[in-house]
């Protein structure tokens, strides 16, 4: 775990050194069932320099006695089909290569599904604090069946949508520097 955090800090530090490379937005859709937690998101990176960046990123998965194995992981580039790829992934996280052309943006579509052993799900957000700059904007939603009762959330939602069978909680953030992870406890 310490090795993974050290790698992540080094990668994030390289973002600060570049200065012209910015992870500025994320739009994430979480889906919770009684046995799985899924993340499906868009990650926006901006390169304001005059050179193309080939950036290696580490995408960590949470570890806890309540979490089982990550059984699915994907990464694709929405902007350019050849600009994002998985180098390798295991139960600690995924190593990705993202190409951000000069004076351009890249949007990576990344997702995973993790099995749950207990009544807790988590998405790692606190690594953003290493950058020293938050997201210009962030959107999160959590969809779950009405058979699940939420006991606690690490962030209070901004809105709630309801269907006959599901709830959707929504968070909309501006200038958001998360200092804690997104955690849901439920039964």
Protein backbone atom coordinates (compact mmCIF):
# COMPACT_ATOMS: atom_id res chain seq x y z
CA UNK A 1 0.00 0.00 0.00
CA UNK A 2 2.79 2.46 0.89
CA UNK A 3 4.53 1.69 -2.42
CA UNK A 4 1.31 2.48 -4.32
CA UNK A 5 0.85 5.76 -2.45
CA UNK A 6 4.49 6.70 -3.12
CA UNK A 7 4.06 5.98 -6.85
CA UNK A 8 0.87 8.04 -6.89
CA UNK A 9 2.58 10.95 -5.11
CA UNK A 10 5.44 10.86 -7.64
CA UNK A 11 3.01 10.84 -10.54
CA UNK A 12 0.93 13.64 -9.05
CA UNK A 13 4.10 15.60 -8.27
CA UNK A 14 5.02 15.36 -11.95
CA UNK A 15 1.70 17.09 -12.71
CA UNK A 16 2.75 19.96 -10.45
CA UNK A 17 6.16 20.16 -12.11
CA UNK A 18 4.58 20.38 -15.52
CA UNK A 19 2.30 23.18 -14.36
CA UNK A 20 0.78 23.27 -17.82
CA UNK A 21 -0.90 19.90 -17.38
CA UNK A 22 -4.12 19.94 -15.36
CA UNK A 23 -6.63 17.31 -14.26
CA UNK A 24 -9.45 19.82 -14.07
CA UNK A 25 -12.77 17.98 -14.08
CA UNK A 26 -14.43 14.64 -13.44
CA UNK A 27 -17.97 13.41 -14.02
CA UNK A 28 -18.60 10.16 -12.16
CA UNK A 29 -21.55 7.82 -11.97
CA UNK A 30 -21.59 5.40 -9.04
CA UNK A 31 -23.92 2.41 -8.89
CA UNK A 32 -24.47 0.57 -5.63
CA UNK A 33 -26.12 -2.82 -5.13
CA UNK A 34 -26.06 -4.98 -2.03
CA UNK A 35 -22.99 -6.80 -3.41
CA UNK A 36 -21.18 -4.43 -5.84
CA UNK A 37 -20.00 -0.86 -6.25
CA UNK A 38 -19.39 0.40 -9.79
CA UNK A 39 -17.69 3.55 -11.00
CA UNK A 40 -18.20 4.86 -14.54
CA UNK A 41 -16.58 8.21 -15.16
CA UNK A 42 -15.16 10.81 -17.48
CA UNK A 43 -11.81 12.35 -16.51
CA UNK A 44 -10.77 15.63 -18.16
CA UNK A 45 -7.10 16.64 -18.58
CA UNK A 46 -5.86 19.90 -20.11
CA UNK A 47 -2.42 20.53 -21.61
CA UNK A 48 -1.68 24.24 -22.06
CA UNK A 49 1.94 23.66 -23.12
CA UNK A 50 3.47 23.49 -26.59
CA UNK A 51 4.46 19.84 -26.22
CA UNK A 52 2.49 16.60 -26.12
CA UNK A 53 2.53 14.79 -22.78
CA UNK A 54 2.66 11.02 -22.46
CA UNK A 55 1.52 10.76 -18.86
CA UNK A 56 1.57 7.57 -16.83
CA UNK A 57 -1.13 7.62 -14.16
CA UNK A 58 -1.92 5.35 -11.24
CA UNK A 59 -5.64 4.83 -10.57
CA UNK A 60 -5.96 3.36 -7.03
CA UNK A 61 -8.69 1.04 -5.78
CA UNK A 62 -9.80 1.26 -2.14
CA UNK A 63 -8.77 -1.47 0.29
CA UNK A 64 -10.82 -2.40 3.34
CA UNK A 65 -12.18 -5.55 4.95
CA UNK A 66 -15.60 -4.61 3.52
CA UNK A 67 -14.36 -4.72 -0.07
CA UNK A 68 -13.90 -7.75 -2.24
CA UNK A 69 -12.09 -8.02 -5.54
CA UNK A 70 -12.25 -5.60 -8.42
CA UNK A 71 -13.47 -7.87 -11.20
CA UNK A 72 -13.79 -5.39 -14.06
CA UNK A 73 -11.70 -2.41 -15.20
CA UNK A 74 -11.74 -0.43 -18.44
CA UNK A 75 -10.14 2.70 -19.88
CA UNK A 76 -10.78 4.33 -23.23
CA UNK A 77 -10.26 7.78 -24.66
CA UNK A 78 -13.33 9.70 -25.74
CA UNK A 79 -11.30 12.40 -27.55
CA UNK A 80 -8.95 10.15 -29.56
CA UNK A 81 -9.23 6.38 -29.62
CA UNK A 82 -5.45 5.82 -29.38
CA UNK A 83 -4.76 8.27 -26.51
CA UNK A 84 -5.47 6.21 -23.37
CA UNK A 85 -4.65 2.65 -22.51
CA UNK A 86 -4.22 0.28 -19.61
CA UNK A 87 -0.62 -0.71 -18.96
CA UNK A 88 -1.60 -3.17 -16.22
CA UNK A 89 -4.04 -3.52 -13.34
CA UNK A 90 -4.39 -5.61 -10.21
CA UNK A 91 -6.29 -5.39 -6.92
CA UNK A 92 -4.27 -2.33 -5.79
CA UNK A 93 -5.08 -0.23 -8.85
CA UNK A 94 -4.42 0.37 -12.51
CA UNK A 95 -1.45 1.87 -14.34
CA UNK A 96 -2.60 3.90 -17.33
CA UNK A 97 -0.93 5.77 -20.15
CA UNK A 98 -2.76 8.93 -21.23
CA UNK A 99 -1.60 11.07 -24.13
CA UNK A 100 -2.52 14.76 -23.94
CA UNK A 101 -1.65 16.69 -27.12
CA UNK A 102 -0.16 20.19 -26.94
CA UNK A 103 -2.69 22.98 -26.44
CA UNK A 104 -5.52 20.47 -26.13
CA UNK A 105 -7.67 18.43 -23.77
CA UNK A 106 -8.17 14.71 -23.38
CA UNK A 107 -11.22 12.98 -21.95
CA UNK A 108 -10.66 9.48 -20.61
CA UNK A 109 -13.60 7.15 -19.92
CA UNK A 110 -12.62 4.92 -16.99
CA UNK A 111 -14.61 2.50 -14.91
CA UNK A 112 -14.47 -0.46 -12.61
CA UNK A 113 -16.66 -2.76 -10.54
CA UNK A 114 -15.72 -3.91 -7.06
CA UNK A 115 -17.44 -6.66 -5.11
CA UNK A 116 -18.60 -5.75 -1.61
CA UNK A 117 -18.40 -8.00 1.42
CA UNK A 118 -20.04 -5.63 3.91
CA UNK A 119 -22.20 -2.53 3.95
CA UNK A 120 -19.58 -0.03 2.83
CA UNK A 121 -18.39 1.34 -0.53
CA UNK A 122 -15.62 3.84 -1.26
CA UNK A 123 -14.13 5.86 -4.09
CA UNK A 124 -10.69 7.42 -3.58
CA UNK A 125 -10.84 11.22 -3.84
CA UNK A 126 -8.36 12.42 -1.23
CA UNK A 127 -5.34 12.00 -3.54
CA UNK A 128 -6.51 15.22 -5.20
CA UNK A 129 -5.10 17.13 -2.21
CA UNK A 130 -1.55 16.18 -3.32
CA UNK A 131 -1.98 18.38 -6.41
CA UNK A 132 -2.58 21.51 -4.41
CA UNK A 133 -5.41 22.41 -6.80
CA UNK A 134 -8.90 21.05 -6.87
CA UNK A 135 -11.24 20.37 -9.73
CA UNK A 136 -12.70 23.35 -11.55
CA UNK A 137 -15.88 21.32 -11.50
CA UNK A 138 -16.97 17.86 -10.46
CA UNK A 139 -20.22 15.97 -10.87
CA UNK A 140 -21.07 12.79 -8.98
CA UNK A 141 -24.21 10.72 -8.79
CA UNK A 142 -25.00 7.57 -6.86
CA UNK A 143 -27.80 5.27 -8.02
CA UNK A 144 -29.06 2.53 -5.71
CA UNK A 145 -32.22 0.43 -5.33
CA UNK A 146 -34.86 1.42 -2.80
CA UNK A 147 -34.19 -1.86 -0.98
CA UNK A 148 -30.91 -0.34 0.28
CA UNK A 149 -30.88 2.07 3.23
CA UNK A 150 -28.03 4.60 3.33
CA UNK A 151 -26.64 4.98 6.86
CA UNK A 152 -23.98 7.61 6.14
CA UNK A 153 -22.33 9.57 3.35
CA UNK A 154 -18.99 11.36 3.53
CA UNK A 155 -20.46 14.25 1.48
CA UNK A 156 -24.00 15.55 1.69
CA UNK A 157 -25.77 15.43 -1.70
CA UNK A 158 -27.09 18.50 -3.49
CA UNK A 159 -30.12 16.80 -5.01
CA UNK A 160 -32.20 13.62 -5.05
CA UNK A 161 -34.05 11.98 -7.92
CA UNK A 162 -36.45 9.09 -7.46
CA UNK A 163 -38.02 6.45 -9.70
CA UNK A 164 -40.35 3.60 -8.72
CA UNK A 165 -37.39 1.33 -7.92
CA UNK A 166 -34.28 3.51 -7.43
CA UNK A 167 -32.87 6.63 -5.83
CA UNK A 168 -30.20 8.83 -7.38
CA UNK A 169 -28.21 11.20 -5.19
CA UNK A 170 -26.41 14.04 -7.00
CA UNK A 171 -23.39 16.18 -6.11
CA UNK A 172 -22.34 19.22 -8.17
CA UNK A 173 -19.10 20.89 -7.11
CA UNK A 174 -17.12 23.94 -8.24
CA UNK A 175 -13.52 24.61 -7.21
CA UNK A 176 -13.63 21.31 -5.32
CA UNK A 177 -10.54 20.12 -3.44
CA UNK A 178 -11.66 16.91 -1.69
CA UNK A 179 -9.92 16.20 1.59
CA UNK A 180 -11.66 12.88 2.19
CA UNK A 181 -12.81 9.93 0.12
CA UNK A 182 -16.34 9.36 -1.13
CA UNK A 183 -17.68 6.77 1.35
CA UNK A 184 -21.15 5.24 1.55
CA UNK A 185 -22.26 3.07 4.46
CA UNK A 186 -25.49 1.18 3.96
CA UNK A 187 -27.68 -1.79 4.84
